Amino acid sequence: MKTSRLIFLPLLVAASLPLPLCAAEPLYKNDFESAEVGKMPSEMMVMAGAFEVKQDKDGKYLELPGEPLDTFGLLFGPSVKDDVSASARFFGTKKGRKFPTFGVSLNGVNGYRLQVSAAKGALEFYKGDEAKLSVPFTWTADAWTTLRITVRKSGVGWVVEGKAWAAGSPEPEKPLITLEEKTEPNAGRAGIWGMPFANTPIRFDDLLIEAAK
């Protein structure tokens, strides 16, 4: 009888311990592997630009042509407001002294955009068309670059954070650029943006929206 009690006690203690929490599922995820080449995923809203799915030996991706020279973008995923992040990978090349510009955004067309302005050597925040903040950043040409933007509620205001890192490098532990705002952001869809100032295509892949960590 004593032995059975000793066996039962650790089982009872183990049963009373909290179960490990499962990682939250992303709000949106798209690596284009199930998309049709030459088409656009139907759930995306193209604001401007001849985007289309393409494929090479490494898999599928979305591509924006190198011409004409303008600002192009599309919206994806659900409408979200704060305590959320959006990320994507970008691939661009330079041509002489010409460089691409690209970015990822939250809160709709007029929301916050994290942008690599390679010609200026800068990582920037825009709100709509308004430049808000800029920090130095060295872009690596002919390599995938990941951008992550996060909008979170903080006290009586909001904080917008941005990270950028090249393929083969770890994600920065802390944001590279941080913007504090007092105005409540609008709910809106995430977006990706490209300005092919180098006259060469810009590629996009691994679109992701998830709760802020």
N, C-alpha and C. Protein backbone atom coordinates (compact mmCIF):
# COMPACT_ATOMS: atom_id res chain seq x y z
N MET A 1 0.83 -1.21 0.00
CA MET A 1 0.00 0.00 0.00
C MET A 1 0.86 1.25 0.00
N LYS A 2 1.98 1.23 0.80
CA LYS A 2 2.86 2.38 0.85
C LYS A 2 3.50 2.63 -0.51
N THR A 3 3.89 1.56 -1.21
CA THR A 3 4.53 1.69 -2.51
C THR A 3 3.59 2.33 -3.53
N SER A 4 2.33 1.90 -3.53
CA SER A 4 1.38 2.45 -4.50
C SER A 4 1.13 3.93 -4.24
N ARG A 5 1.16 4.35 -2.96
CA ARG A 5 0.99 5.77 -2.66
C ARG A 5 2.17 6.58 -3.18
N LEU A 6 3.38 6.03 -3.05
CA LEU A 6 4.58 6.73 -3.51
C LEU A 6 4.56 6.90 -5.03
N ILE A 7 4.02 5.92 -5.75
CA ILE A 7 3.93 6.01 -7.20
C ILE A 7 2.87 7.01 -7.61
N PHE A 8 1.74 7.03 -6.88
CA PHE A 8 0.63 7.88 -7.24
C PHE A 8 0.93 9.36 -6.99
N LEU A 9 1.73 9.66 -5.94
CA LEU A 9 1.99 11.04 -5.57
C LEU A 9 2.67 11.84 -6.68
N PRO A 10 3.80 11.35 -7.29
CA PRO A 10 4.39 12.13 -8.38
C PRO A 10 3.48 12.27 -9.59
N LEU A 11 2.61 11.27 -9.84
CA LEU A 11 1.67 11.39 -10.94
C LEU A 11 0.67 12.51 -10.69
N LEU A 12 0.24 12.61 -9.41
CA LEU A 12 -0.71 13.66 -9.05
C LEU A 12 -0.07 15.03 -9.17
N VAL A 13 1.20 15.16 -8.74
CA VAL A 13 1.91 16.43 -8.84
C VAL A 13 2.10 16.83 -10.30
N ALA A 14 2.49 15.86 -11.13
CA ALA A 14 2.70 16.14 -12.55
C ALA A 14 1.42 16.60 -13.22
N ALA A 15 0.29 15.99 -12.84
CA ALA A 15 -0.99 16.35 -13.44
C ALA A 15 -1.41 17.76 -13.07
N SER A 16 -0.91 18.26 -11.90
CA SER A 16 -1.31 19.59 -11.45
C SER A 16 -0.46 20.70 -12.05
N LEU A 17 0.65 20.34 -12.73
CA LEU A 17 1.52 21.34 -13.34
C LEU A 17 0.84 21.92 -14.58
N PRO A 18 1.09 23.21 -14.88
CA PRO A 18 0.49 23.82 -16.08
C PRO A 18 1.05 23.20 -17.35
N LEU A 19 0.20 23.02 -18.34
CA LEU A 19 0.64 22.49 -19.61
C LEU A 19 1.39 23.56 -20.39
N PRO A 20 2.42 23.19 -21.18
CA PRO A 20 3.13 24.18 -21.98
C PRO A 20 2.22 24.80 -23.02
N LEU A 21 2.38 26.12 -23.19
CA LEU A 21 1.55 26.83 -24.16
C LEU A 21 2.06 26.58 -25.57
N CYS A 22 1.15 26.37 -26.52
CA CYS A 22 1.55 26.17 -27.90
C CYS A 22 1.80 27.53 -28.55
N ALA A 23 2.73 27.58 -29.46
CA ALA A 23 3.02 28.82 -30.18
C ALA A 23 1.80 29.25 -30.98
N ALA A 24 1.51 30.55 -30.93
CA ALA A 24 0.35 31.06 -31.64
C ALA A 24 0.55 30.92 -33.14
N GLU A 25 -0.52 30.59 -33.84
CA GLU A 25 -0.47 30.47 -35.28
C GLU A 25 -0.36 31.86 -35.91
N PRO A 26 0.39 32.02 -37.00
CA PRO A 26 0.46 33.32 -37.68
C PRO A 26 -0.92 33.75 -38.16
N LEU A 27 -1.13 35.05 -38.21
CA LEU A 27 -2.39 35.58 -38.75
C LEU A 27 -2.42 35.43 -40.27
N TYR A 28 -1.24 35.40 -40.87
CA TYR A 28 -1.13 35.25 -42.33
C TYR A 28 0.28 34.76 -42.64
N LYS A 29 0.39 33.88 -43.64
CA LYS A 29 1.69 33.36 -44.05
C LYS A 29 1.61 32.96 -45.51
N ASN A 30 2.59 33.40 -46.31
CA ASN A 30 2.58 33.05 -47.72
C ASN A 30 4.02 32.99 -48.25
N ASP A 31 4.44 31.79 -48.67
CA ASP A 31 5.76 31.62 -49.28
C ASP A 31 5.65 31.38 -50.78
N PHE A 32 4.43 31.50 -51.33
CA PHE A 32 4.13 31.43 -52.76
C PHE A 32 4.35 30.05 -53.38
N GLU A 33 4.69 29.04 -52.59
CA GLU A 33 4.96 27.72 -53.15
C GLU A 33 3.70 27.08 -53.72
N SER A 34 2.54 27.47 -53.22
CA SER A 34 1.29 26.91 -53.75
C SER A 34 0.65 27.83 -54.79
N ALA A 35 1.30 28.96 -55.10
CA ALA A 35 0.75 29.91 -56.06
C ALA A 35 1.07 29.50 -57.49
N GLU A 36 0.26 29.96 -58.43
CA GLU A 36 0.46 29.65 -59.84
C GLU A 36 1.45 30.62 -60.46
N VAL A 37 2.46 30.09 -61.13
CA VAL A 37 3.47 30.92 -61.78
C VAL A 37 2.81 31.79 -62.86
N GLY A 38 3.21 33.06 -62.91
CA GLY A 38 2.66 33.98 -63.89
C GLY A 38 1.38 34.66 -63.44
N LYS A 39 0.90 34.33 -62.26
CA LYS A 39 -0.34 34.91 -61.73
C LYS A 39 -0.08 35.66 -60.43
N MET A 40 -1.14 36.24 -59.89
CA MET A 40 -1.11 36.88 -58.58
C MET A 40 -2.06 36.14 -57.65
N PRO A 41 -1.68 35.86 -56.40
CA PRO A 41 -2.61 35.26 -55.45
C PRO A 41 -3.88 36.11 -55.34
N SER A 42 -5.02 35.47 -55.41
CA SER A 42 -6.29 36.21 -55.49
C SER A 42 -6.60 37.01 -54.23
N GLU A 43 -6.04 36.63 -53.08
CA GLU A 43 -6.38 37.33 -51.84
C GLU A 43 -5.61 38.63 -51.67
N MET A 44 -4.67 38.91 -52.55
CA MET A 44 -3.87 40.13 -52.46
C MET A 44 -4.51 41.25 -53.25
N MET A 45 -4.36 42.48 -52.75
CA MET A 45 -4.90 43.65 -53.42
C MET A 45 -3.75 44.49 -53.97
N VAL A 46 -3.56 44.46 -55.27
CA VAL A 46 -2.49 45.23 -55.90
C VAL A 46 -2.91 46.69 -56.01
N MET A 47 -2.11 47.58 -55.40
CA MET A 47 -2.39 49.01 -55.49
C MET A 47 -1.81 49.58 -56.79
N ALA A 48 -0.64 49.10 -57.18
CA ALA A 48 0.00 49.50 -58.43
C ALA A 48 1.17 48.57 -58.68
N GLY A 49 1.43 48.26 -59.95
CA GLY A 49 2.58 47.43 -60.28
C GLY A 49 2.20 46.11 -60.92
N ALA A 50 3.04 45.64 -61.83
CA ALA A 50 2.80 44.39 -62.56
C ALA A 50 3.46 43.22 -61.82
N PHE A 51 3.04 42.99 -60.58
CA PHE A 51 3.56 41.88 -59.78
C PHE A 51 3.12 40.55 -60.39
N GLU A 52 3.99 39.54 -60.32
CA GLU A 52 3.58 38.19 -60.70
C GLU A 52 4.50 37.17 -60.04
N VAL A 53 3.96 35.98 -59.84
CA VAL A 53 4.72 34.88 -59.24
C VAL A 53 5.68 34.29 -60.27
N LYS A 54 6.92 34.10 -59.84
CA LYS A 54 7.92 33.47 -60.69
C LYS A 54 8.61 32.35 -59.92
N GLN A 55 9.44 31.60 -60.62
CA GLN A 55 10.09 30.45 -59.99
C GLN A 55 11.49 30.28 -60.53
N ASP A 56 12.43 29.91 -59.64
CA ASP A 56 13.77 29.52 -60.04
C ASP A 56 14.12 28.22 -59.34
N LYS A 57 15.38 27.84 -59.35
CA LYS A 57 15.78 26.55 -58.76
C LYS A 57 15.54 26.49 -57.26
N ASP A 58 15.44 27.65 -56.60
CA ASP A 58 15.24 27.66 -55.15
C ASP A 58 13.77 27.72 -54.74
N GLY A 59 12.87 27.91 -55.69
CA GLY A 59 11.45 27.95 -55.36
C GLY A 59 10.75 29.15 -55.99
N LYS A 60 9.54 29.42 -55.48
CA LYS A 60 8.72 30.50 -56.03
C LYS A 60 8.84 31.78 -55.20
N TYR A 61 8.55 32.89 -55.85
CA TYR A 61 8.61 34.20 -55.21
C TYR A 61 7.75 35.16 -56.04
N LEU A 62 7.52 36.34 -55.49
CA LEU A 62 6.78 37.37 -56.20
C LEU A 62 7.78 38.37 -56.76
N GLU A 63 7.56 38.83 -58.00
CA GLU A 63 8.52 39.75 -58.61
C GLU A 63 7.84 40.99 -59.17
N LEU A 64 8.51 42.12 -58.98
CA LEU A 64 8.10 43.40 -59.54
C LEU A 64 9.10 43.75 -60.64
N PRO A 65 8.66 44.07 -61.86
CA PRO A 65 9.58 44.39 -62.94
C PRO A 65 10.46 45.61 -62.64
N GLY A 66 11.58 45.72 -63.33
CA GLY A 66 12.49 46.84 -63.13
C GLY A 66 12.04 48.13 -63.80
N GLU A 67 10.98 48.10 -64.56
CA GLU A 67 10.42 49.28 -65.21
C GLU A 67 8.90 49.20 -65.14
N PRO A 68 8.21 50.35 -65.10
CA PRO A 68 8.74 51.72 -65.07
C PRO A 68 9.23 52.12 -63.68
N LEU A 69 9.79 53.33 -63.58
CA LEU A 69 10.29 53.84 -62.30
C LEU A 69 9.16 54.56 -61.58
N ASP A 70 8.69 53.97 -60.51
CA ASP A 70 7.60 54.56 -59.73
C ASP A 70 7.53 53.80 -58.41
N THR A 71 6.54 54.12 -57.60
CA THR A 71 6.31 53.40 -56.35
C THR A 71 5.17 52.42 -56.56
N PHE A 72 5.43 51.15 -56.24
CA PHE A 72 4.44 50.09 -56.45
C PHE A 72 4.24 49.32 -55.16
N GLY A 73 3.03 48.78 -54.98
CA GLY A 73 2.77 48.03 -53.76
C GLY A 73 1.49 47.23 -53.83
N LEU A 74 1.34 46.38 -52.83
CA LEU A 74 0.12 45.59 -52.69
C LEU A 74 -0.16 45.34 -51.22
N LEU A 75 -1.41 45.03 -50.90
CA LEU A 75 -1.83 44.74 -49.54
C LEU A 75 -2.15 43.26 -49.40
N PHE A 76 -1.91 42.72 -48.20
CA PHE A 76 -2.15 41.30 -47.97
C PHE A 76 -2.58 41.07 -46.52
N GLY A 77 -3.21 39.92 -46.29
CA GLY A 77 -3.58 39.51 -44.94
C GLY A 77 -4.79 40.23 -44.39
N PRO A 78 -5.12 39.96 -43.11
CA PRO A 78 -6.29 40.57 -42.47
C PRO A 78 -6.02 42.02 -42.06
N SER A 79 -7.08 42.75 -41.76
CA SER A 79 -6.96 44.11 -41.24
C SER A 79 -6.59 44.05 -39.76
N VAL A 80 -5.49 44.70 -39.39
CA VAL A 80 -5.01 44.67 -38.00
C VAL A 80 -4.66 46.10 -37.58
N LYS A 81 -4.51 46.31 -36.25
CA LYS A 81 -4.23 47.66 -35.77
C LYS A 81 -2.92 47.74 -34.99
N ASP A 82 -2.82 47.04 -33.86
CA ASP A 82 -1.61 47.13 -33.04
C ASP A 82 -1.30 45.80 -32.36
N ASP A 83 -0.19 45.77 -31.64
CA ASP A 83 0.33 44.55 -31.02
C ASP A 83 0.48 43.45 -32.08
N VAL A 84 1.03 43.84 -33.21
CA VAL A 84 1.17 42.93 -34.34
C VAL A 84 2.44 43.28 -35.11
N SER A 85 2.99 42.31 -35.82
CA SER A 85 4.16 42.57 -36.67
C SER A 85 3.94 41.97 -38.05
N ALA A 86 4.61 42.56 -39.03
CA ALA A 86 4.58 42.05 -40.40
C ALA A 86 6.03 41.97 -40.89
N SER A 87 6.34 40.92 -41.63
CA SER A 87 7.70 40.77 -42.15
C SER A 87 7.65 40.19 -43.55
N ALA A 88 8.74 40.39 -44.28
CA ALA A 88 8.87 39.85 -45.64
C ALA A 88 10.35 39.87 -46.00
N ARG A 89 10.69 39.05 -47.00
CA ARG A 89 12.06 39.04 -47.52
C ARG A 89 12.07 39.74 -48.88
N PHE A 90 13.18 40.45 -49.15
CA PHE A 90 13.32 41.24 -50.37
C PHE A 90 14.67 40.94 -51.02
N PHE A 91 14.68 40.91 -52.35
CA PHE A 91 15.93 40.69 -53.09
C PHE A 91 16.02 41.73 -54.20
N GLY A 92 17.10 42.49 -54.20
CA GLY A 92 17.30 43.50 -55.22
C GLY A 92 18.75 43.58 -55.63
N THR A 93 19.00 44.23 -56.75
CA THR A 93 20.36 44.42 -57.23
C THR A 93 20.59 45.89 -57.54
N LYS A 94 21.85 46.31 -57.54
CA LYS A 94 22.18 47.67 -57.92
C LYS A 94 22.70 47.67 -59.36
N LYS A 95 22.65 48.84 -59.98
CA LYS A 95 23.13 48.98 -61.36
C LYS A 95 23.90 50.29 -61.42
N GLY A 96 25.23 50.18 -61.41
CA GLY A 96 26.05 51.38 -61.32
C GLY A 96 25.81 52.07 -60.00
N ARG A 97 25.37 53.32 -60.07
CA ARG A 97 25.07 54.07 -58.85
C ARG A 97 23.57 54.11 -58.56
N LYS A 98 22.83 53.24 -59.19
CA LYS A 98 21.39 53.17 -58.98
C LYS A 98 21.06 52.02 -58.04
N PHE A 99 20.17 52.28 -57.08
CA PHE A 99 19.82 51.31 -56.06
C PHE A 99 18.30 51.20 -55.91
N PRO A 100 17.80 50.04 -55.52
CA PRO A 100 16.35 49.89 -55.29
C PRO A 100 15.95 50.43 -53.91
N THR A 101 14.67 50.64 -53.76
CA THR A 101 14.07 50.98 -52.47
C THR A 101 12.91 50.02 -52.27
N PHE A 102 12.75 49.50 -51.05
CA PHE A 102 11.69 48.54 -50.80
C PHE A 102 11.28 48.59 -49.33
N GLY A 103 10.06 48.10 -49.02
CA GLY A 103 9.61 48.18 -47.64
C GLY A 103 8.40 47.30 -47.35
N VAL A 104 8.09 47.18 -46.06
CA VAL A 104 6.93 46.44 -45.57
C VAL A 104 6.15 47.36 -44.65
N SER A 105 4.82 47.24 -44.65
CA SER A 105 4.01 48.19 -43.90
C SER A 105 2.89 47.52 -43.11
N LEU A 106 2.33 48.29 -42.19
CA LEU A 106 1.15 47.90 -41.41
C LEU A 106 0.15 49.05 -41.42
N ASN A 107 -1.11 48.74 -41.10
CA ASN A 107 -2.16 49.75 -40.92
C ASN A 107 -2.63 50.39 -42.22
N GLY A 108 -2.59 49.64 -43.32
CA GLY A 108 -3.16 50.12 -44.56
C GLY A 108 -2.23 51.00 -45.38
N VAL A 109 -2.78 51.54 -46.49
CA VAL A 109 -1.98 52.33 -47.43
C VAL A 109 -1.33 53.53 -46.75
N ASN A 110 -2.04 54.19 -45.86
CA ASN A 110 -1.52 55.38 -45.19
C ASN A 110 -0.95 55.09 -43.81
N GLY A 111 -0.61 53.82 -43.57
CA GLY A 111 -0.06 53.43 -42.29
C GLY A 111 1.45 53.57 -42.23
N TYR A 112 2.06 52.80 -41.32
CA TYR A 112 3.49 52.87 -41.10
C TYR A 112 4.24 51.93 -42.04
N ARG A 113 5.31 52.44 -42.67
CA ARG A 113 6.12 51.64 -43.58
C ARG A 113 7.58 51.66 -43.15
N LEU A 114 8.16 50.47 -43.01
CA LEU A 114 9.59 50.33 -42.76
C LEU A 114 10.26 50.15 -44.11
N GLN A 115 11.24 50.99 -44.43
CA GLN A 115 11.77 51.05 -45.79
C GLN A 115 13.29 51.09 -45.81
N VAL A 116 13.89 50.28 -46.68
CA VAL A 116 15.32 50.37 -46.98
C VAL A 116 15.48 51.30 -48.17
N SER A 117 16.14 52.43 -47.95
CA SER A 117 16.48 53.36 -49.03
C SER A 117 17.98 53.18 -49.29
N ALA A 118 18.30 52.22 -50.17
CA ALA A 118 19.69 51.80 -50.34
C ALA A 118 20.59 52.93 -50.84
N ALA A 119 20.08 53.79 -51.72
CA ALA A 119 20.89 54.89 -52.25
C ALA A 119 21.31 55.86 -51.16
N LYS A 120 20.48 56.00 -50.13
CA LYS A 120 20.80 56.89 -49.01
C LYS A 120 21.52 56.18 -47.88
N GLY A 121 21.67 54.84 -48.00
CA GLY A 121 22.27 54.08 -46.92
C GLY A 121 21.47 54.21 -45.65
N ALA A 122 20.14 54.08 -45.77
CA ALA A 122 19.27 54.37 -44.63
C ALA A 122 18.16 53.34 -44.49
N LEU A 123 17.75 53.16 -43.24
CA LEU A 123 16.54 52.42 -42.87
C LEU A 123 15.58 53.46 -42.33
N GLU A 124 14.37 53.52 -42.90
CA GLU A 124 13.49 54.65 -42.62
C GLU A 124 12.08 54.21 -42.23
N PHE A 125 11.41 55.11 -41.50
CA PHE A 125 9.99 54.97 -41.23
C PHE A 125 9.24 56.05 -41.99
N TYR A 126 8.18 55.64 -42.65
CA TYR A 126 7.24 56.57 -43.27
C TYR A 126 5.86 56.30 -42.69
N LYS A 127 5.04 57.33 -42.66
CA LYS A 127 3.62 57.17 -42.37
C LYS A 127 2.89 57.73 -43.57
N GLY A 128 2.33 56.86 -44.39
CA GLY A 128 1.84 57.29 -45.68
C GLY A 128 3.01 57.77 -46.51
N ASP A 129 2.95 59.00 -46.99
CA ASP A 129 4.04 59.60 -47.77
C ASP A 129 4.95 60.48 -46.92
N GLU A 130 4.68 60.56 -45.62
CA GLU A 130 5.45 61.44 -44.75
C GLU A 130 6.64 60.71 -44.13
N ALA A 131 7.85 61.23 -44.36
CA ALA A 131 9.05 60.66 -43.73
C ALA A 131 9.03 60.99 -42.24
N LYS A 132 9.20 59.97 -41.41
CA LYS A 132 9.12 60.16 -39.96
C LYS A 132 10.47 60.04 -39.26
N LEU A 133 11.31 59.09 -39.70
CA LEU A 133 12.56 58.84 -38.99
C LEU A 133 13.50 58.06 -39.89
N SER A 134 14.82 58.30 -39.76
CA SER A 134 15.81 57.63 -40.59
C SER A 134 17.04 57.31 -39.75
N VAL A 135 17.61 56.12 -39.95
CA VAL A 135 18.87 55.74 -39.29
C VAL A 135 19.78 55.12 -40.34
N PRO A 136 21.10 55.17 -40.14
CA PRO A 136 22.02 54.57 -41.12
C PRO A 136 21.83 53.05 -41.23
N PHE A 137 21.93 52.55 -42.45
CA PHE A 137 21.81 51.11 -42.68
C PHE A 137 22.57 50.76 -43.96
N THR A 138 23.39 49.72 -43.87
CA THR A 138 24.14 49.26 -45.04
C THR A 138 23.42 48.08 -45.66
N TRP A 139 22.92 48.28 -46.88
CA TRP A 139 22.20 47.24 -47.59
C TRP A 139 23.17 46.36 -48.36
N THR A 140 22.91 45.06 -48.40
CA THR A 140 23.72 44.11 -49.14
C THR A 140 23.03 43.76 -50.45
N ALA A 141 23.65 44.15 -51.57
CA ALA A 141 23.06 43.87 -52.88
C ALA A 141 23.16 42.39 -53.22
N ASP A 142 22.28 41.93 -54.09
CA ASP A 142 22.28 40.55 -54.58
C ASP A 142 22.17 39.53 -53.45
N ALA A 143 21.43 39.89 -52.40
CA ALA A 143 21.19 38.98 -51.27
C ALA A 143 19.82 39.29 -50.70
N TRP A 144 19.18 38.28 -50.17
CA TRP A 144 17.87 38.49 -49.55
C TRP A 144 18.03 39.28 -48.26
N THR A 145 17.13 40.25 -48.06
CA THR A 145 17.08 41.06 -46.85
C THR A 145 15.70 40.90 -46.22
N THR A 146 15.65 40.63 -44.93
CA THR A 146 14.37 40.51 -44.22
C THR A 146 14.07 41.82 -43.49
N LEU A 147 12.85 42.29 -43.62
CA LEU A 147 12.37 43.46 -42.88
C LEU A 147 11.22 43.03 -41.97
N ARG A 148 11.23 43.55 -40.74
CA ARG A 148 10.13 43.28 -39.81
C ARG A 148 9.70 44.59 -39.17
N ILE A 149 8.41 44.91 -39.28
CA ILE A 149 7.84 46.09 -38.64
C ILE A 149 6.85 45.64 -37.58
N THR A 150 6.89 46.29 -36.42
CA THR A 150 5.99 45.96 -35.31
C THR A 150 5.33 47.23 -34.80
N VAL A 151 4.03 47.20 -34.61
CA VAL A 151 3.28 48.30 -34.01
C VAL A 151 2.65 47.76 -32.74
N ARG A 152 3.00 48.37 -31.60
CA ARG A 152 2.47 47.88 -30.33
C ARG A 152 1.97 49.04 -29.45
N LYS A 153 0.95 48.73 -28.64
CA LYS A 153 0.43 49.71 -27.68
C LYS A 153 1.42 49.80 -26.54
N SER A 154 1.70 51.04 -26.09
CA SER A 154 2.64 51.25 -25.00
C SER A 154 2.18 52.42 -24.15
N GLY A 155 1.63 52.13 -22.98
CA GLY A 155 1.13 53.18 -22.11
C GLY A 155 0.00 53.95 -22.76
N VAL A 156 0.17 55.27 -22.86
CA VAL A 156 -0.88 56.11 -23.47
C VAL A 156 -0.62 56.33 -24.96
N GLY A 157 0.43 55.70 -25.50
CA GLY A 157 0.75 55.87 -26.90
C GLY A 157 1.04 54.56 -27.59
N TRP A 158 1.78 54.66 -28.70
CA TRP A 158 2.13 53.49 -29.50
C TRP A 158 3.60 53.56 -29.87
N VAL A 159 4.23 52.40 -30.03
CA VAL A 159 5.62 52.32 -30.43
C VAL A 159 5.70 51.52 -31.73
N VAL A 160 6.42 52.07 -32.70
CA VAL A 160 6.65 51.39 -33.97
C VAL A 160 8.13 50.99 -34.02
N GLU A 161 8.39 49.71 -34.25
CA GLU A 161 9.76 49.20 -34.23
C GLU A 161 10.10 48.56 -35.57
N GLY A 162 11.36 48.67 -35.96
CA GLY A 162 11.79 48.09 -37.21
C GLY A 162 13.11 47.34 -37.10
N LYS A 163 13.19 46.22 -37.80
CA LYS A 163 14.42 45.44 -37.88
C LYS A 163 14.71 45.12 -39.34
N ALA A 164 15.99 44.95 -39.67
CA ALA A 164 16.40 44.56 -41.01
C ALA A 164 17.68 43.74 -40.88
N TRP A 165 17.76 42.66 -41.64
CA TRP A 165 18.98 41.85 -41.61
C TRP A 165 19.12 41.05 -42.90
N ALA A 166 20.37 40.85 -43.30
CA ALA A 166 20.67 40.15 -44.54
C ALA A 166 20.65 38.64 -44.32
N ALA A 167 20.42 37.90 -45.40
CA ALA A 167 20.43 36.43 -45.33
C ALA A 167 21.78 35.96 -44.79
N GLY A 168 21.72 34.97 -43.90
CA GLY A 168 22.93 34.45 -43.30
C GLY A 168 23.30 35.12 -42.00
N SER A 169 22.63 36.24 -41.68
CA SER A 169 22.84 36.94 -40.42
C SER A 169 21.66 36.70 -39.49
N PRO A 170 21.90 36.68 -38.18
CA PRO A 170 20.78 36.48 -37.25
C PRO A 170 19.89 37.71 -37.17
N GLU A 171 18.65 37.50 -36.81
CA GLU A 171 17.75 38.63 -36.58
C GLU A 171 18.26 39.45 -35.40
N PRO A 172 18.34 40.78 -35.52
CA PRO A 172 18.79 41.61 -34.40
C PRO A 172 17.92 41.40 -33.16
N GLU A 173 18.54 41.36 -32.01
CA GLU A 173 17.78 41.17 -30.77
C GLU A 173 16.92 42.39 -30.46
N LYS A 174 17.44 43.58 -30.77
CA LYS A 174 16.72 44.82 -30.49
C LYS A 174 16.39 45.54 -31.80
N PRO A 175 15.34 46.35 -31.80
CA PRO A 175 15.00 47.11 -33.01
C PRO A 175 16.15 48.02 -33.45
N LEU A 176 16.31 48.18 -34.75
CA LEU A 176 17.31 49.10 -35.28
C LEU A 176 16.77 50.52 -35.37
N ILE A 177 15.44 50.64 -35.39
CA ILE A 177 14.80 51.95 -35.49
C ILE A 177 13.50 51.90 -34.70
N THR A 178 13.23 52.94 -33.91
CA THR A 178 12.05 52.97 -33.04
C THR A 178 11.40 54.35 -33.11
N LEU A 179 10.09 54.35 -33.26
CA LEU A 179 9.32 55.58 -33.38
C LEU A 179 8.20 55.56 -32.35
N GLU A 180 8.10 56.63 -31.55
CA GLU A 180 7.03 56.75 -30.56
C GLU A 180 5.95 57.69 -31.10
N GLU A 181 4.71 57.24 -31.01
CA GLU A 181 3.59 58.00 -31.55
C GLU A 181 2.48 58.15 -30.50
N LYS A 182 1.75 59.26 -30.58
CA LYS A 182 0.62 59.50 -29.68
C LYS A 182 -0.71 59.23 -30.37
N THR A 183 -0.71 59.25 -31.68
CA THR A 183 -1.95 59.07 -32.44
C THR A 183 -2.25 57.59 -32.63
N GLU A 184 -3.47 57.19 -32.34
CA GLU A 184 -3.87 55.79 -32.49
C GLU A 184 -3.84 55.39 -33.96
N PRO A 185 -3.18 54.27 -34.29
CA PRO A 185 -3.13 53.85 -35.70
C PRO A 185 -4.48 53.31 -36.16
N ASN A 186 -4.71 53.39 -37.45
CA ASN A 186 -5.92 52.82 -38.03
C ASN A 186 -5.75 51.32 -38.24
N ALA A 187 -6.84 50.60 -38.19
CA ALA A 187 -6.80 49.20 -38.58
C ALA A 187 -6.67 49.13 -40.09
N GLY A 188 -5.84 48.22 -40.57
CA GLY A 188 -5.64 48.11 -42.01
C GLY A 188 -4.77 46.91 -42.34
N ARG A 189 -4.68 46.58 -43.61
CA ARG A 189 -3.92 45.42 -44.04
C ARG A 189 -2.43 45.75 -44.13
N ALA A 190 -1.61 44.72 -44.04
CA ALA A 190 -0.17 44.87 -44.23
C ALA A 190 0.13 45.05 -45.72
N GLY A 191 1.34 45.51 -46.04
CA GLY A 191 1.68 45.72 -47.44
C GLY A 191 3.16 45.52 -47.70
N ILE A 192 3.50 45.29 -48.96
CA ILE A 192 4.88 45.30 -49.42
C ILE A 192 4.99 46.33 -50.53
N TRP A 193 6.17 46.96 -50.63
CA TRP A 193 6.35 48.08 -51.54
C TRP A 193 7.71 47.99 -52.22
N GLY A 194 7.78 48.44 -53.46
CA GLY A 194 9.03 48.44 -54.18
C GLY A 194 9.14 49.62 -55.12
N MET A 195 10.32 50.20 -55.18
CA MET A 195 10.64 51.28 -56.11
C MET A 195 11.90 50.86 -56.86
N PRO A 196 11.77 50.35 -58.09
CA PRO A 196 12.91 49.78 -58.81
C PRO A 196 13.80 50.85 -59.46
N PHE A 197 14.41 51.71 -58.64
CA PHE A 197 15.21 52.81 -59.15
C PHE A 197 16.48 52.33 -59.86
N ALA A 198 16.87 51.06 -59.67
CA ALA A 198 18.04 50.51 -60.35
C ALA A 198 17.68 49.94 -61.72
N ASN A 199 16.41 50.03 -62.09
CA ASN A 199 15.92 49.45 -63.35
C ASN A 199 16.09 47.93 -63.39
N THR A 200 16.12 47.32 -62.24
CA THR A 200 16.21 45.86 -62.14
C THR A 200 15.04 45.35 -61.28
N PRO A 201 14.58 44.12 -61.52
CA PRO A 201 13.43 43.60 -60.76
C PRO A 201 13.71 43.52 -59.26
N ILE A 202 12.63 43.58 -58.48
CA ILE A 202 12.69 43.37 -57.03
C ILE A 202 11.85 42.13 -56.72
N ARG A 203 12.41 41.23 -55.93
CA ARG A 203 11.71 40.01 -55.55
C ARG A 203 11.21 40.11 -54.10
N PHE A 204 10.09 39.41 -53.83
CA PHE A 204 9.48 39.40 -52.50
C PHE A 204 9.14 37.96 -52.14
N ASP A 205 9.30 37.61 -50.87
CA ASP A 205 8.98 36.24 -50.46
C ASP A 205 8.69 36.20 -48.96
N ASP A 206 8.12 35.08 -48.53
CA ASP A 206 7.89 34.80 -47.10
C ASP A 206 7.17 35.92 -46.37
N LEU A 207 5.99 36.28 -46.86
CA LEU A 207 5.16 37.28 -46.20
C LEU A 207 4.56 36.68 -44.93
N LEU A 208 4.60 37.45 -43.83
CA LEU A 208 4.16 36.92 -42.54
C LEU A 208 3.54 38.03 -41.70
N ILE A 209 2.40 37.73 -41.09
CA ILE A 209 1.78 38.61 -40.09
C ILE A 209 1.55 37.78 -38.84
N GLU A 210 1.98 38.28 -37.70
CA GLU A 210 1.82 37.54 -36.45
C GLU A 210 1.69 38.49 -35.28
N ALA A 211 1.24 37.96 -34.14
CA ALA A 211 1.12 38.78 -32.94
C ALA A 211 2.51 39.24 -32.52
N ALA A 212 2.58 40.47 -32.01
CA ALA A 212 3.88 41.02 -31.57
C ALA A 212 4.43 40.19 -30.42
N LYS A 213 5.73 39.95 -30.46
CA LYS A 213 6.39 39.15 -29.42
C LYS A 213 6.99 40.05 -28.37
